[in-house]
Amino acid sequence: MIRRFFLWFWLAAALASMLTLAMPAAHAGDVEIAEANLEYTDEGYKLAAVYQFDLNRSLESAIARGIPLYFTTEVVIRRPRWYWLDERTASATQTIRISYNVLTRQYRAAINGSNLQQSFASLDEAMSLVRRPGRWLVAGPDALKPGEFYSVALRMELDVAQLPKPFQIHSINSSDWRLSSDWRYFTFRADGK
């Protein structure tokens, strides 16, 4: 009896692992980070980045029906340490909201934390703000030590957590709603004053 139980247990575990391997991987990497660098200004360190990607038909259809899409960029800056884990020096996120107004037949783009909204005649023009966002502040002027080297990690994704609840549930089951880049890492030497 016990042997039969263990046999069924191992067969079920083997079947579960085979099914896991057969499932398609998540679509990470749909967004390519073409350029990324930090620049020092009087306000602090700003990120300049360029992304390359296209929206699939499901996402274009969702925007056309008035469902806003949220694209979130996440930046983490760490200072390497040989004696302990890397020190997390700064982190920042920026979300760009793209929506369509059916009455005015215009697309709108808004950046979180900013009162500025821009209107566009086409979806491609609105998406240009997502693909080539303006430089934005990711660390204050005193956050990084001049002359030190830092590791910068960057990722951009469609933020499904900000979608209306029915679409959040739908996005779990549909690969059409998964749009993200892999983490991109680069080294940066702080300039400072």
Protein backbone atom coordinates (compact mmCIF):
# COMPACT_ATOMS: atom_id res chain seq x y z
CA MET A 1 0.00 0.00 0.00
CA ILE A 2 2.76 2.44 0.94
CA ARG A 3 4.77 1.48 -2.14
CA ARG A 4 1.77 2.16 -4.35
CA PHE A 5 1.36 5.61 -2.73
CA PHE A 6 5.01 6.50 -3.38
CA LEU A 7 4.76 5.22 -6.95
CA TRP A 8 1.72 7.46 -7.62
CA PHE A 9 3.44 10.37 -5.88
CA TRP A 10 6.56 10.08 -8.08
CA LEU A 11 4.52 9.63 -11.24
CA ALA A 12 2.47 12.75 -10.43
CA ALA A 13 5.64 14.74 -9.68
CA ALA A 14 7.25 13.60 -12.94
CA LEU A 15 4.11 14.49 -14.91
CA ALA A 16 3.93 17.92 -13.26
CA SER A 17 7.57 18.67 -14.05
CA MET A 18 7.11 17.55 -17.68
CA LEU A 19 4.07 19.82 -18.05
CA THR A 20 6.00 22.73 -16.57
CA LEU A 21 8.82 22.24 -19.06
CA ALA A 22 6.36 21.96 -21.96
CA MET A 23 4.61 25.24 -21.11
CA PRO A 24 5.76 28.26 -23.12
CA ALA A 25 7.93 30.72 -21.28
CA ALA A 26 6.67 34.19 -20.40
CA HIS A 27 7.20 36.78 -23.09
CA ALA A 28 9.93 38.69 -21.31
CA GLY A 29 12.13 40.36 -23.83
CA ASP A 30 9.32 41.66 -26.07
CA VAL A 31 10.65 45.14 -25.34
CA GLU A 32 14.24 45.84 -26.31
CA ILE A 33 16.19 48.53 -24.49
CA ALA A 34 18.12 50.09 -27.39
CA GLU A 35 19.88 52.81 -25.38
CA ALA A 36 20.26 53.58 -21.69
CA ASN A 37 22.55 55.93 -19.79
CA LEU A 38 22.66 58.24 -16.80
CA GLU A 39 23.58 61.90 -17.07
CA TYR A 40 24.50 64.31 -14.31
CA THR A 41 22.67 67.66 -14.17
CA ASP A 42 22.31 70.33 -11.48
CA GLU A 43 19.03 68.65 -10.40
CA GLY A 44 20.64 65.23 -10.06
CA TYR A 45 21.12 62.11 -12.17
CA LYS A 46 18.71 61.66 -15.06
CA LEU A 47 17.99 58.56 -17.11
CA ALA A 48 17.94 58.73 -20.90
CA ALA A 49 16.58 55.59 -22.55
CA VAL A 50 15.17 54.37 -25.86
CA TYR A 51 12.89 51.32 -26.15
CA GLN A 52 11.96 49.34 -29.25
CA PHE A 53 8.69 47.42 -29.39
CA ASP A 54 5.31 47.25 -31.10
CA LEU A 55 1.87 46.77 -29.60
CA ASN A 56 0.02 43.65 -30.62
CA ARG A 57 -3.56 43.78 -31.94
CA SER A 58 -5.11 42.99 -28.57
CA LEU A 59 -3.42 45.97 -26.92
CA GLU A 60 -4.26 48.29 -29.82
CA SER A 61 -7.88 47.13 -29.67
CA ALA A 62 -8.00 47.71 -25.90
CA ILE A 63 -6.78 51.30 -26.27
CA ALA A 64 -9.26 51.94 -29.10
CA ARG A 65 -12.07 50.83 -26.75
CA GLY A 66 -10.96 53.36 -24.12
CA ILE A 67 -8.91 51.11 -21.83
CA PRO A 68 -5.75 52.96 -20.70
CA LEU A 69 -2.39 51.20 -20.78
CA TYR A 70 0.34 51.88 -18.23
CA PHE A 71 4.02 51.49 -19.11
CA THR A 72 6.32 51.45 -16.08
CA THR A 73 10.07 51.89 -16.13
CA GLU A 74 12.01 50.76 -13.06
CA VAL A 75 15.59 51.82 -12.29
CA VAL A 76 17.77 50.48 -9.46
CA ILE A 77 21.23 51.92 -8.75
CA ARG A 78 23.60 49.90 -6.56
CA ARG A 79 27.13 50.50 -5.34
CA PRO A 80 29.22 47.32 -5.49
CA ARG A 81 30.93 46.29 -2.25
CA TRP A 82 33.53 43.54 -2.08
CA TYR A 83 32.90 42.73 1.59
CA TRP A 84 29.10 42.52 1.63
CA LEU A 85 26.04 42.65 -0.60
CA ASP A 86 25.82 45.58 -3.00
CA GLU A 87 24.42 48.74 -1.44
CA ARG A 88 21.11 49.91 -2.93
CA THR A 89 21.85 53.58 -3.45
CA ALA A 90 18.76 54.78 -5.33
CA SER A 91 15.69 53.49 -7.09
CA ALA A 92 12.94 55.13 -9.09
CA THR A 93 9.93 54.29 -11.21
CA GLN A 94 8.10 56.22 -13.86
CA THR A 95 4.74 55.28 -15.36
CA ILE A 96 3.41 56.65 -18.62
CA ARG A 97 -0.34 56.29 -19.18
CA ILE A 98 -1.63 56.05 -22.76
CA SER A 99 -5.37 56.42 -23.30
CA TYR A 100 -7.83 57.17 -26.07
CA ASN A 101 -10.74 59.60 -25.86
CA VAL A 102 -13.51 58.32 -28.13
CA LEU A 103 -15.33 61.68 -28.20
CA THR A 104 -12.35 63.80 -29.26
CA ARG A 105 -10.69 60.94 -31.17
CA GLN A 106 -7.36 61.80 -29.64
CA TYR A 107 -4.79 59.80 -27.77
CA ARG A 108 -3.47 61.16 -24.49
CA ALA A 109 -0.20 60.50 -22.76
CA ALA A 110 0.42 61.41 -19.13
CA ILE A 111 3.44 60.82 -16.91
CA ASN A 112 2.84 59.98 -13.25
CA GLY A 113 3.81 62.69 -10.81
CA SER A 114 3.40 65.31 -13.51
CA ASN A 115 0.41 67.47 -14.35
CA LEU A 116 1.44 67.56 -17.98
CA GLN A 117 -0.70 65.70 -20.49
CA GLN A 118 -0.13 65.64 -24.20
CA SER A 119 -2.67 64.92 -26.92
CA PHE A 120 -1.79 63.08 -30.10
CA ALA A 121 -3.66 62.43 -33.34
CA SER A 122 -2.44 58.84 -33.69
CA LEU A 123 -1.48 55.94 -31.46
CA ASP A 124 1.99 55.78 -33.01
CA GLU A 125 2.65 59.41 -32.02
CA ALA A 126 1.47 58.74 -28.47
CA MET A 127 3.63 55.62 -28.24
CA SER A 128 6.67 57.66 -29.25
CA LEU A 129 6.55 59.20 -25.76
CA VAL A 130 6.80 55.68 -24.31
CA ARG A 131 9.50 54.53 -26.72
CA ARG A 132 11.59 57.71 -26.31
CA PRO A 133 10.65 59.25 -22.96
CA GLY A 134 12.25 62.49 -21.86
CA ARG A 135 15.14 62.36 -19.44
CA TRP A 136 13.81 61.96 -15.91
CA LEU A 137 15.32 62.28 -12.47
CA VAL A 138 16.26 58.96 -10.84
CA ALA A 139 18.66 60.15 -8.11
CA GLY A 140 19.35 63.43 -6.34
CA PRO A 141 22.58 65.37 -6.87
CA ASP A 142 24.09 64.07 -3.61
CA ALA A 143 22.84 60.47 -3.89
CA LEU A 144 25.97 59.18 -5.67
CA LYS A 145 29.58 59.75 -4.65
CA PRO A 146 31.66 61.41 -7.41
CA GLY A 147 34.29 59.09 -8.87
CA GLU A 148 32.57 55.91 -7.63
CA PHE A 149 31.31 53.21 -9.98
CA TYR A 150 27.69 52.08 -9.76
CA SER A 151 25.70 49.23 -11.24
CA VAL A 152 22.46 50.36 -12.88
CA ALA A 153 19.57 47.98 -13.59
CA LEU A 154 16.74 49.04 -15.89
CA ARG A 155 13.48 47.39 -16.94
CA MET A 156 10.32 48.56 -18.73
CA GLU A 157 6.99 46.71 -18.81
CA LEU A 158 3.28 46.99 -19.37
CA ASP A 159 1.97 47.38 -15.82
CA VAL A 160 -1.10 45.12 -15.73
CA ALA A 161 -1.61 45.82 -12.00
CA GLN A 162 -2.97 49.26 -12.92
CA LEU A 163 -5.51 47.94 -15.44
CA PRO A 164 -9.20 47.70 -14.52
CA LYS A 165 -9.88 44.51 -12.49
CA PRO A 166 -11.52 42.45 -15.29
CA PHE A 167 -8.49 43.05 -17.50
CA GLN A 168 -6.09 42.17 -14.70
CA ILE A 169 -7.75 38.77 -14.50
CA HIS A 170 -7.75 38.41 -18.29
CA SER A 171 -4.06 39.37 -18.48
CA ILE A 172 -3.12 36.43 -16.25
CA ASN A 173 -4.44 33.97 -18.84
CA SER A 174 -3.43 35.81 -22.02
CA SER A 175 0.11 36.22 -23.32
CA ASP A 176 -1.10 39.21 -25.40
CA TRP A 177 -1.06 41.31 -22.24
CA ARG A 178 2.51 40.42 -21.26
CA LEU A 179 4.90 43.01 -22.59
CA SER A 180 8.22 43.61 -20.86
CA SER A 181 11.93 43.90 -21.30
CA ASP A 182 14.59 41.83 -19.64
CA TRP A 183 16.62 43.62 -17.00
CA ARG A 184 19.43 45.59 -18.61
CA TYR A 185 22.56 46.22 -16.57
CA PHE A 186 25.28 48.75 -17.16
CA THR A 187 28.05 50.37 -15.14
CA PHE A 188 28.08 54.10 -14.48
CA ARG A 189 30.80 56.32 -13.03
CA ALA A 190 29.32 59.22 -11.04
CA ASP A 191 30.55 62.61 -12.14
CA GLY A 192 29.10 64.96 -9.55
CA LYS A 193 30.33 68.40 -8.64
